[in-house]
Amino acid sequence: MESKEQLNKIAMYCDKYRCRIHDDEISLKNIQEVERESCTNCVHFTSKKTCELDLIDQVLSSLAMENDLKS
Protein backbone atom coordinates (compact mmCIF):
# COMPACT_ATOMS: atom_id res chain seq x y z
CA MET A 1 0.00 0.00 0.00
CA GLU A 2 1.26 3.41 -0.96
CA SER A 3 1.79 6.07 1.69
CA LYS A 4 -0.31 9.21 1.89
CA GLU A 5 2.68 11.22 0.69
CA GLN A 6 3.10 8.94 -2.35
CA LEU A 7 -0.61 9.21 -3.20
CA ASN A 8 -0.32 13.00 -3.08
CA LYS A 9 2.76 13.02 -5.31
CA ILE A 10 1.25 10.55 -7.79
CA ALA A 11 -1.78 12.80 -8.27
CA MET A 12 0.49 15.76 -8.99
CA TYR A 13 2.23 13.89 -11.83
CA CYS A 14 -0.60 11.73 -13.18
CA ASP A 15 -2.00 12.81 -16.55
CA LYS A 16 -5.32 11.09 -15.81
CA TYR A 17 -5.94 12.68 -12.37
CA ARG A 18 -9.44 14.15 -12.11
CA CYS A 19 -10.59 15.55 -8.80
CA ARG A 20 -14.01 14.37 -7.70
CA ILE A 21 -15.03 17.94 -6.91
CA HIS A 22 -14.88 18.85 -10.58
CA ASP A 23 -17.16 15.94 -11.38
CA ASP A 24 -19.72 17.03 -8.76
CA GLU A 25 -19.27 13.78 -6.86
CA ILE A 26 -18.50 15.59 -3.63
CA SER A 27 -21.12 17.78 -2.05
CA LEU A 28 -20.27 21.38 -1.22
CA LYS A 29 -20.03 20.64 2.49
CA ASN A 30 -17.32 18.03 1.80
CA ILE A 31 -15.12 20.30 -0.31
CA GLN A 32 -13.14 21.25 2.78
CA GLU A 33 -12.18 17.59 3.22
CA VAL A 34 -10.29 17.71 -0.05
CA GLU A 35 -7.07 19.29 1.14
CA ARG A 36 -4.93 18.80 -1.94
CA GLU A 37 -4.45 16.68 -5.01
CA SER A 38 -4.29 13.03 -4.00
CA CYS A 39 -5.22 9.73 -5.54
CA THR A 40 -7.79 9.42 -2.78
CA ASN A 41 -9.62 12.45 -4.24
CA CYS A 42 -9.47 11.16 -7.82
CA VAL A 43 -12.48 9.80 -9.71
CA HIS A 44 -10.38 6.77 -10.69
CA PHE A 45 -9.57 5.76 -7.09
CA THR A 46 -11.78 2.85 -6.04
CA SER A 47 -13.30 1.85 -2.72
CA LYS A 48 -10.67 -0.94 -2.67
CA LYS A 49 -8.01 1.80 -2.55
CA THR A 50 -6.68 1.11 -6.03
CA CYS A 51 -6.57 3.02 -9.29
CA GLU A 52 -9.13 1.67 -11.74
CA LEU A 53 -6.74 2.69 -14.54
CA ASP A 54 -3.87 0.84 -12.82
CA LEU A 55 -1.58 3.89 -12.99
CA ILE A 56 -0.17 4.04 -9.46
CA ASP A 57 2.83 1.76 -10.10
CA GLN A 58 3.47 3.33 -13.50
CA VAL A 59 3.59 6.87 -12.10
CA LEU A 60 5.71 5.79 -9.13
CA SER A 61 8.17 4.10 -11.50
CA SER A 62 8.39 7.24 -13.61
CA LEU A 63 9.04 9.35 -10.52
CA ALA A 64 11.75 6.95 -9.34
CA MET A 65 13.46 7.01 -12.74
CA GLU A 66 13.31 10.82 -12.78
CA ASN A 67 14.92 10.94 -9.33
CA ASP A 68 17.67 8.55 -10.48
CA LEU A 69 18.47 10.83 -13.41
CA LYS A 70 18.79 13.82 -11.08
CA SER A 71 21.27 11.98 -8.83
PDB file of N, CA and C in Angstrom:
ATOM      1  N   MET A   1       0.847  -1.191   0.000  1.00  0.00           N
ATOM      2  CA  MET A   1       0.000   0.000   0.000  1.00  0.00           C
ATOM      3  C   MET A   1       0.882   1.239   0.000  1.00  0.00           C
ATOM      4  N   GLU A   2       0.514   2.177  -0.832  1.00  0.00           N
ATOM      5  CA  GLU A   2       1.260   3.413  -0.959  1.00  0.00           C
ATOM      6  C   GLU A   2       0.975   4.321   0.230  1.00  0.00           C
ATOM      7  N   SER A   3       1.968   5.137   0.576  1.00  0.00           N
ATOM      8  CA  SER A   3       1.794   6.067   1.687  1.00  0.00           C
ATOM      9  C   SER A   3       0.961   7.262   1.231  1.00  0.00           C
ATOM     10  N   LYS A   4       0.479   8.013   2.191  1.00  0.00           N
ATOM     11  CA  LYS A   4      -0.312   9.211   1.893  1.00  0.00           C
ATOM     12  C   LYS A   4       0.520  10.190   1.064  1.00  0.00           C
ATOM     13  N   GLU A   5       1.786  10.323   1.412  1.00  0.00           N
ATOM     14  CA  GLU A   5       2.685  11.221   0.686  1.00  0.00           C
ATOM     15  C   GLU A   5       2.846  10.764  -0.776  1.00  0.00           C
ATOM     16  N   GLN A   6       2.981   9.463  -0.990  1.00  0.00           N
ATOM     17  CA  GLN A   6       3.098   8.941  -2.348  1.00  0.00           C
ATOM     18  C   GLN A   6       1.820   9.200  -3.146  1.00  0.00           C
ATOM     19  N   LEU A   7       0.664   8.979  -2.521  1.00  0.00           N
ATOM     20  CA  LEU A   7      -0.605   9.208  -3.205  1.00  0.00           C
ATOM     21  C   LEU A   7      -0.774  10.672  -3.591  1.00  0.00           C
ATOM     22  N   ASN A   8      -0.276  11.580  -2.761  1.00  0.00           N
ATOM     23  CA  ASN A   8      -0.322  13.005  -3.080  1.00  0.00           C
ATOM     24  C   ASN A   8       0.580  13.310  -4.275  1.00  0.00           C
ATOM     25  N   LYS A   9       1.788  12.755  -4.245  1.00  0.00           N
ATOM     26  CA  LYS A   9       2.758  13.020  -5.307  1.00  0.00           C
ATOM     27  C   LYS A   9       2.303  12.397  -6.635  1.00  0.00           C
ATOM     28  N   ILE A  10       1.742  11.206  -6.574  1.00  0.00           N
ATOM     29  CA  ILE A  10       1.248  10.547  -7.786  1.00  0.00           C
ATOM     30  C   ILE A  10       0.211  11.430  -8.465  1.00  0.00           C
ATOM     31  N   ALA A  11      -0.719  11.957  -7.699  1.00  0.00           N
ATOM     32  CA  ALA A  11      -1.784  12.802  -8.269  1.00  0.00           C
ATOM     33  C   ALA A  11      -1.205  14.040  -8.950  1.00  0.00           C
ATOM     34  N   MET A  12      -0.136  14.575  -8.406  1.00  0.00           N
ATOM     35  CA  MET A  12       0.489  15.759  -8.993  1.00  0.00           C
ATOM     36  C   MET A  12       1.079  15.466 -10.375  1.00  0.00           C
ATOM     37  N   TYR A  13       1.541  14.239 -10.580  1.00  0.00           N
ATOM     38  CA  TYR A  13       2.226  13.893 -11.827  1.00  0.00           C
ATOM     39  C   TYR A  13       1.399  13.018 -12.770  1.00  0.00           C
ATOM     40  N   CYS A  14       0.227  12.623 -12.368  1.00  0.00           N
ATOM     41  CA  CYS A  14      -0.599  11.730 -13.178  1.00  0.00           C
ATOM     42  C   CYS A  14      -1.405  12.521 -14.211  1.00  0.00           C
ATOM     43  N   ASP A  15      -1.269  12.128 -15.466  1.00  0.00           N
ATOM     44  CA  ASP A  15      -1.996  12.808 -16.545  1.00  0.00           C
ATOM     45  C   ASP A  15      -3.502  12.550 -16.497  1.00  0.00           C
ATOM     46  N   LYS A  16      -3.898  11.486 -15.827  1.00  0.00           N
ATOM     47  CA  LYS A  16      -5.317  11.093 -15.808  1.00  0.00           C
ATOM     48  C   LYS A  16      -6.032  11.529 -14.523  1.00  0.00           C
ATOM     49  N   TYR A  17      -5.326  12.235 -13.626  1.00  0.00           N
ATOM     50  CA  TYR A  17      -5.939  12.676 -12.370  1.00  0.00           C
ATOM     51  C   TYR A  17      -7.115  13.606 -12.648  1.00  0.00           C
ATOM     52  N   ARG A  18      -8.249  13.299 -12.047  1.00  0.00           N
ATOM     53  CA  ARG A  18      -9.437  14.149 -12.113  1.00  0.00           C
ATOM     54  C   ARG A  18     -10.059  14.206 -10.726  1.00  0.00           C
ATOM     55  N   CYS A  19     -10.049  15.374 -10.144  1.00  0.00           N
ATOM     56  CA  CYS A  19     -10.593  15.554  -8.801  1.00  0.00           C
ATOM     57  C   CYS A  19     -12.099  15.342  -8.806  1.00  0.00           C
ATOM     58  N   ARG A  20     -12.572  14.643  -7.805  1.00  0.00           N
ATOM     59  CA  ARG A  20     -14.012  14.366  -7.700  1.00  0.00           C
ATOM     60  C   ARG A  20     -14.842  15.635  -7.594  1.00  0.00           C
ATOM     61  N   ILE A  21     -14.291  16.687  -7.051  1.00  0.00           N
ATOM     62  CA  ILE A  21     -15.033  17.945  -6.913  1.00  0.00           C
ATOM     63  C   ILE A  21     -15.463  18.441  -8.284  1.00  0.00           C
ATOM     64  N   HIS A  22     -14.588  18.347  -9.245  1.00  0.00           N
ATOM     65  CA  HIS A  22     -14.878  18.848 -10.583  1.00  0.00           C
ATOM     66  C   HIS A  22     -15.917  17.996 -11.292  1.00  0.00           C
ATOM     67  N   ASP A  23     -16.139  16.800 -10.803  1.00  0.00           N
ATOM     68  CA  ASP A  23     -17.160  15.937 -11.385  1.00  0.00           C
ATOM     69  C   ASP A  23     -18.433  15.935 -10.537  1.00  0.00           C
ATOM     70  N   ASP A  24     -18.542  16.875  -9.625  1.00  0.00           N
ATOM     71  CA  ASP A  24     -19.720  17.026  -8.765  1.00  0.00           C
ATOM     72  C   ASP A  24     -20.051  15.767  -7.972  1.00  0.00           C
ATOM     73  N   GLU A  25     -19.034  14.977  -7.651  1.00  0.00           N
ATOM     74  CA  GLU A  25     -19.273  13.778  -6.863  1.00  0.00           C
ATOM     75  C   GLU A  25     -19.142  14.058  -5.364  1.00  0.00           C
ATOM     76  N   ILE A  26     -18.631  15.224  -5.043  1.00  0.00           N
ATOM     77  CA  ILE A  26     -18.499  15.592  -3.632  1.00  0.00           C
ATOM     78  C   ILE A  26     -19.419  16.778  -3.380  1.00  0.00           C
ATOM     79  N   SER A  27     -20.209  16.684  -2.356  1.00  0.00           N
ATOM     80  CA  SER A  27     -21.119  17.783  -2.047  1.00  0.00           C
ATOM     81  C   SER A  27     -20.331  18.997  -1.559  1.00  0.00           C
ATOM     82  N   LEU A  28     -20.945  20.154  -1.618  1.00  0.00           N
ATOM     83  CA  LEU A  28     -20.266  21.384  -1.216  1.00  0.00           C
ATOM     84  C   LEU A  28     -19.761  21.335   0.215  1.00  0.00           C
ATOM     85  N   LYS A  29     -20.479  20.664   1.096  1.00  0.00           N
ATOM     86  CA  LYS A  29     -20.030  20.640   2.492  1.00  0.00           C
ATOM     87  C   LYS A  29     -18.781  19.776   2.666  1.00  0.00           C
ATOM     88  N   ASN A  30     -18.493  18.896   1.704  1.00  0.00           N
ATOM     89  CA  ASN A  30     -17.317  18.034   1.804  1.00  0.00           C
ATOM     90  C   ASN A  30     -16.101  18.597   1.075  1.00  0.00           C
ATOM     91  N   ILE A  31     -16.244  19.723   0.427  1.00  0.00           N
ATOM     92  CA  ILE A  31     -15.119  20.300  -0.310  1.00  0.00           C
ATOM     93  C   ILE A  31     -13.950  20.567   0.620  1.00  0.00           C
ATOM     94  N   GLN A  32     -14.216  20.970   1.839  1.00  0.00           N
ATOM     95  CA  GLN A  32     -13.140  21.253   2.781  1.00  0.00           C
ATOM     96  C   GLN A  32     -12.324  20.007   3.112  1.00  0.00           C
ATOM     97  N   GLU A  33     -12.905  18.826   2.946  1.00  0.00           N
ATOM     98  CA  GLU A  33     -12.184  17.594   3.224  1.00  0.00           C
ATOM     99  C   GLU A  33     -11.123  17.315   2.176  1.00  0.00           C
ATOM    100  N   VAL A  34     -11.262  17.907   1.017  1.00  0.00           N
ATOM    101  CA  VAL A  34     -10.293  17.709  -0.052  1.00  0.00           C
ATOM    102  C   VAL A  34      -9.198  18.753   0.123  1.00  0.00           C
ATOM    103  N   GLU A  35      -8.127  18.360   0.786  1.00  0.00           N
ATOM    104  CA  GLU A  35      -7.071  19.290   1.137  1.00  0.00           C
ATOM    105  C   GLU A  35      -6.181  19.632  -0.056  1.00  0.00           C
ATOM    106  N   ARG A  36      -5.852  18.623  -0.841  1.00  0.00           N
ATOM    107  CA  ARG A  36      -4.927  18.801  -1.940  1.00  0.00           C
ATOM    108  C   ARG A  36      -5.102  17.670  -2.918  1.00  0.00           C
ATOM    109  N   GLU A  37      -4.408  17.761  -4.045  1.00  0.00           N
ATOM    110  CA  GLU A  37      -4.453  16.677  -5.008  1.00  0.00           C
ATOM    111  C   GLU A  37      -3.929  15.403  -4.365  1.00  0.00           C
ATOM    112  N   SER A  38      -4.674  14.336  -4.507  1.00  0.00           N
ATOM    113  CA  SER A  38      -4.285  13.032  -4.000  1.00  0.00           C
ATOM    114  C   SER A  38      -5.074  11.981  -4.758  1.00  0.00           C
ATOM    115  N   CYS A  39      -4.489  10.818  -4.903  1.00  0.00           N
ATOM    116  CA  CYS A  39      -5.222   9.725  -5.543  1.00  0.00           C
ATOM    117  C   CYS A  39      -6.552   9.489  -4.835  1.00  0.00           C
ATOM    118  N   THR A  40      -6.571   9.678  -3.539  1.00  0.00           N
ATOM    119  CA  THR A  40      -7.789   9.418  -2.779  1.00  0.00           C
ATOM    120  C   THR A  40      -8.925  10.353  -3.163  1.00  0.00           C
ATOM    121  N   ASN A  41      -8.607  11.484  -3.794  1.00  0.00           N
ATOM    122  CA  ASN A  41      -9.620  12.449  -4.243  1.00  0.00           C
ATOM    123  C   ASN A  41      -9.919  12.318  -5.728  1.00  0.00           C
ATOM    124  N   CYS A  42      -9.336  11.319  -6.378  1.00  0.00           N
ATOM    125  CA  CYS A  42      -9.473  11.157  -7.824  1.00  0.00           C
ATOM    126  C   CYS A  42     -10.683  10.280  -8.160  1.00  0.00           C
ATOM    127  N   VAL A  43     -11.322  10.592  -9.277  1.00  0.00           N
ATOM    128  CA  VAL A  43     -12.483   9.804  -9.707  1.00  0.00           C
ATOM    129  C   VAL A  43     -12.105   8.366 -10.056  1.00  0.00           C
ATOM    130  N   HIS A  44     -10.837   8.111 -10.311  1.00  0.00           N
ATOM    131  CA  HIS A  44     -10.383   6.771 -10.689  1.00  0.00           C
ATOM    132  C   HIS A  44      -9.973   5.915  -9.494  1.00  0.00           C
ATOM    133  N   PHE A  45      -9.964   6.493  -8.294  1.00  0.00           N
ATOM    134  CA  PHE A  45      -9.573   5.761  -7.088  1.00  0.00           C
ATOM    135  C   PHE A  45     -10.786   5.003  -6.561  1.00  0.00           C
ATOM    136  N   THR A  46     -10.641   3.698  -6.404  1.00  0.00           N
ATOM    137  CA  THR A  46     -11.779   2.854  -6.044  1.00  0.00           C
ATOM    138  C   THR A  46     -11.941   2.697  -4.536  1.00  0.00           C
ATOM    139  N   SER A  47     -13.054   2.118  -4.139  1.00  0.00           N
ATOM    140  CA  SER A  47     -13.304   1.848  -2.718  1.00  0.00           C
ATOM    141  C   SER A  47     -12.326   0.799  -2.172  1.00  0.00           C
ATOM    142  N   LYS A  48     -11.688   0.046  -3.074  1.00  0.00           N
ATOM    143  CA  LYS A  48     -10.674  -0.943  -2.666  1.00  0.00           C
ATOM    144  C   LYS A  48      -9.286  -0.316  -2.568  1.00  0.00           C
ATOM    145  N   LYS A  49      -9.240   1.017  -2.668  1.00  0.00           N
ATOM    146  CA  LYS A  49      -8.010   1.797  -2.552  1.00  0.00           C
ATOM    147  C   LYS A  49      -6.996   1.464  -3.645  1.00  0.00           C
ATOM    148  N   THR A  50      -7.524   1.328  -4.860  1.00  0.00           N
ATOM    149  CA  THR A  50      -6.677   1.109  -6.027  1.00  0.00           C
ATOM    150  C   THR A  50      -7.099   2.073  -7.135  1.00  0.00           C
ATOM    151  N   CYS A  51      -6.253   2.198  -8.122  1.00  0.00           N
ATOM    152  CA  CYS A  51      -6.565   3.016  -9.289  1.00  0.00           C
ATOM    153  C   CYS A  51      -7.224   2.125 -10.326  1.00  0.00           C
ATOM    154  N   GLU A  52      -8.423   2.490 -10.762  1.00  0.00           N
ATOM    155  CA  GLU A  52      -9.126   1.667 -11.742  1.00  0.00           C
ATOM    156  C   GLU A  52      -8.410   1.670 -13.092  1.00  0.00           C
ATOM    157  N   LEU A  53      -7.525   2.640 -13.313  1.00  0.00           N
ATOM    158  CA  LEU A  53      -6.737   2.694 -14.543  1.00  0.00           C
ATOM    159  C   LEU A  53      -5.377   2.018 -14.369  1.00  0.00           C
ATOM    160  N   ASP A  54      -5.109   1.548 -13.159  1.00  0.00           N
ATOM    161  CA  ASP A  54      -3.868   0.842 -12.825  1.00  0.00           C
ATOM    162  C   ASP A  54      -2.629   1.693 -13.128  1.00  0.00           C
ATOM    163  N   LEU A  55      -2.666   2.950 -12.691  1.00  0.00           N
ATOM    164  CA  LEU A  55      -1.585   3.889 -12.991  1.00  0.00           C
ATOM    165  C   LEU A  55      -0.642   4.149 -11.824  1.00  0.00           C
ATOM    166  N   ILE A  56      -0.975   3.714 -10.641  1.00  0.00           N
ATOM    167  CA  ILE A  56      -0.167   4.039  -9.463  1.00  0.00           C
ATOM    168  C   ILE A  56       1.273   3.565  -9.630  1.00  0.00           C
ATOM    169  N   ASP A  57       1.469   2.293  -9.950  1.00  0.00           N
ATOM    170  CA  ASP A  57       2.827   1.762 -10.099  1.00  0.00           C
ATOM    171  C   ASP A  57       3.568   2.430 -11.250  1.00  0.00           C
ATOM    172  N   GLN A  58       2.856   2.698 -12.338  1.00  0.00           N
ATOM    173  CA  GLN A  58       3.469   3.335 -13.499  1.00  0.00           C
ATOM    174  C   GLN A  58       3.991   4.730 -13.150  1.00  0.00           C
ATOM    175  N   VAL A  59       3.181   5.512 -12.470  1.00  0.00           N
ATOM    176  CA  VAL A  59       3.591   6.872 -12.103  1.00  0.00           C
ATOM    177  C   VAL A  59       4.720   6.823 -11.079  1.00  0.00           C
ATOM    178  N   LEU A  60       4.631   5.921 -10.102  1.00  0.00           N
ATOM    179  CA  LEU A  60       5.712   5.789  -9.127  1.00  0.00           C
ATOM    180  C   LEU A  60       7.025   5.406  -9.795  1.00  0.00           C
ATOM    181  N   SER A  61       6.962   4.512 -10.762  1.00  0.00           N
ATOM    182  CA  SER A  61       8.172   4.104 -11.495  1.00  0.00           C
ATOM    183  C   SER A  61       8.772   5.278 -12.252  1.00  0.00           C
ATOM    184  N   SER A  62       7.915   6.066 -12.883  1.00  0.00           N
ATOM    185  CA  SER A  62       8.390   7.244 -13.614  1.00  0.00           C
ATOM    186  C   SER A  62       9.056   8.238 -12.675  1.00  0.00           C
ATOM    187  N   LEU A  63       8.458   8.435 -11.505  1.00  0.00           N
ATOM    188  CA  LEU A  63       9.039   9.350 -10.523  1.00  0.00           C
ATOM    189  C   LEU A  63      10.387   8.839 -10.030  1.00  0.00           C
ATOM    190  N   ALA A  64      10.491   7.543  -9.810  1.00  0.00           N
ATOM    191  CA  ALA A  64      11.746   6.950  -9.339  1.00  0.00           C
ATOM    192  C   ALA A  64      12.834   7.098 -10.397  1.00  0.00           C
ATOM    193  N   MET A  65      12.479   6.864 -11.666  1.00  0.00           N
ATOM    194  CA  MET A  65      13.459   7.014 -12.743  1.00  0.00           C
ATOM    195  C   MET A  65      13.904   8.462 -12.869  1.00  0.00           C
ATOM    196  N   GLU A  66      12.973   9.404 -12.704  1.00  0.00           N
ATOM    197  CA  GLU A  66      13.311  10.820 -12.778  1.00  0.00           C
ATOM    198  C   GLU A  66      14.275  11.186 -11.664  1.00  0.00           C
ATOM    199  N   ASN A  67      14.024  10.661 -10.466  1.00  0.00           N
ATOM    200  CA  ASN A  67      14.917  10.941  -9.335  1.00  0.00           C
ATOM    201  C   ASN A  67      16.294  10.344  -9.559  1.00  0.00           C
ATOM    202  N   ASP A  68      16.375   9.165 -10.181  1.00  0.00           N
ATOM    203  CA  ASP A  68      17.668   8.546 -10.482  1.00  0.00           C
ATOM    204  C   ASP A  68      18.464   9.400 -11.460  1.00  0.00           C
ATOM    205  N   LEU A  69      17.783   9.997 -12.445  1.00  0.00           N
ATOM    206  CA  LEU A  69      18.470  10.831 -13.414  1.00  0.00           C
ATOM    207  C   LEU A  69      19.009  12.115 -12.788  1.00  0.00           C
ATOM    208  N   LYS A  70      18.342  12.608 -11.767  1.00  0.00           N
ATOM    209  CA  LYS A  70      18.787  13.822 -11.083  1.00  0.00           C
ATOM    210  C   LYS A  70      19.980  13.559 -10.181  1.00  0.00           C
ATOM    211  N   SER A  71      20.171  12.321  -9.759  1.00  0.00           N
ATOM    212  CA  SER A  71      21.267  11.979  -8.831  1.00  0.00           C
ATOM    213  C   SER A  71      22.600  11.979  -9.518  1.00  0.00           C
TER     214      SER A  71
END
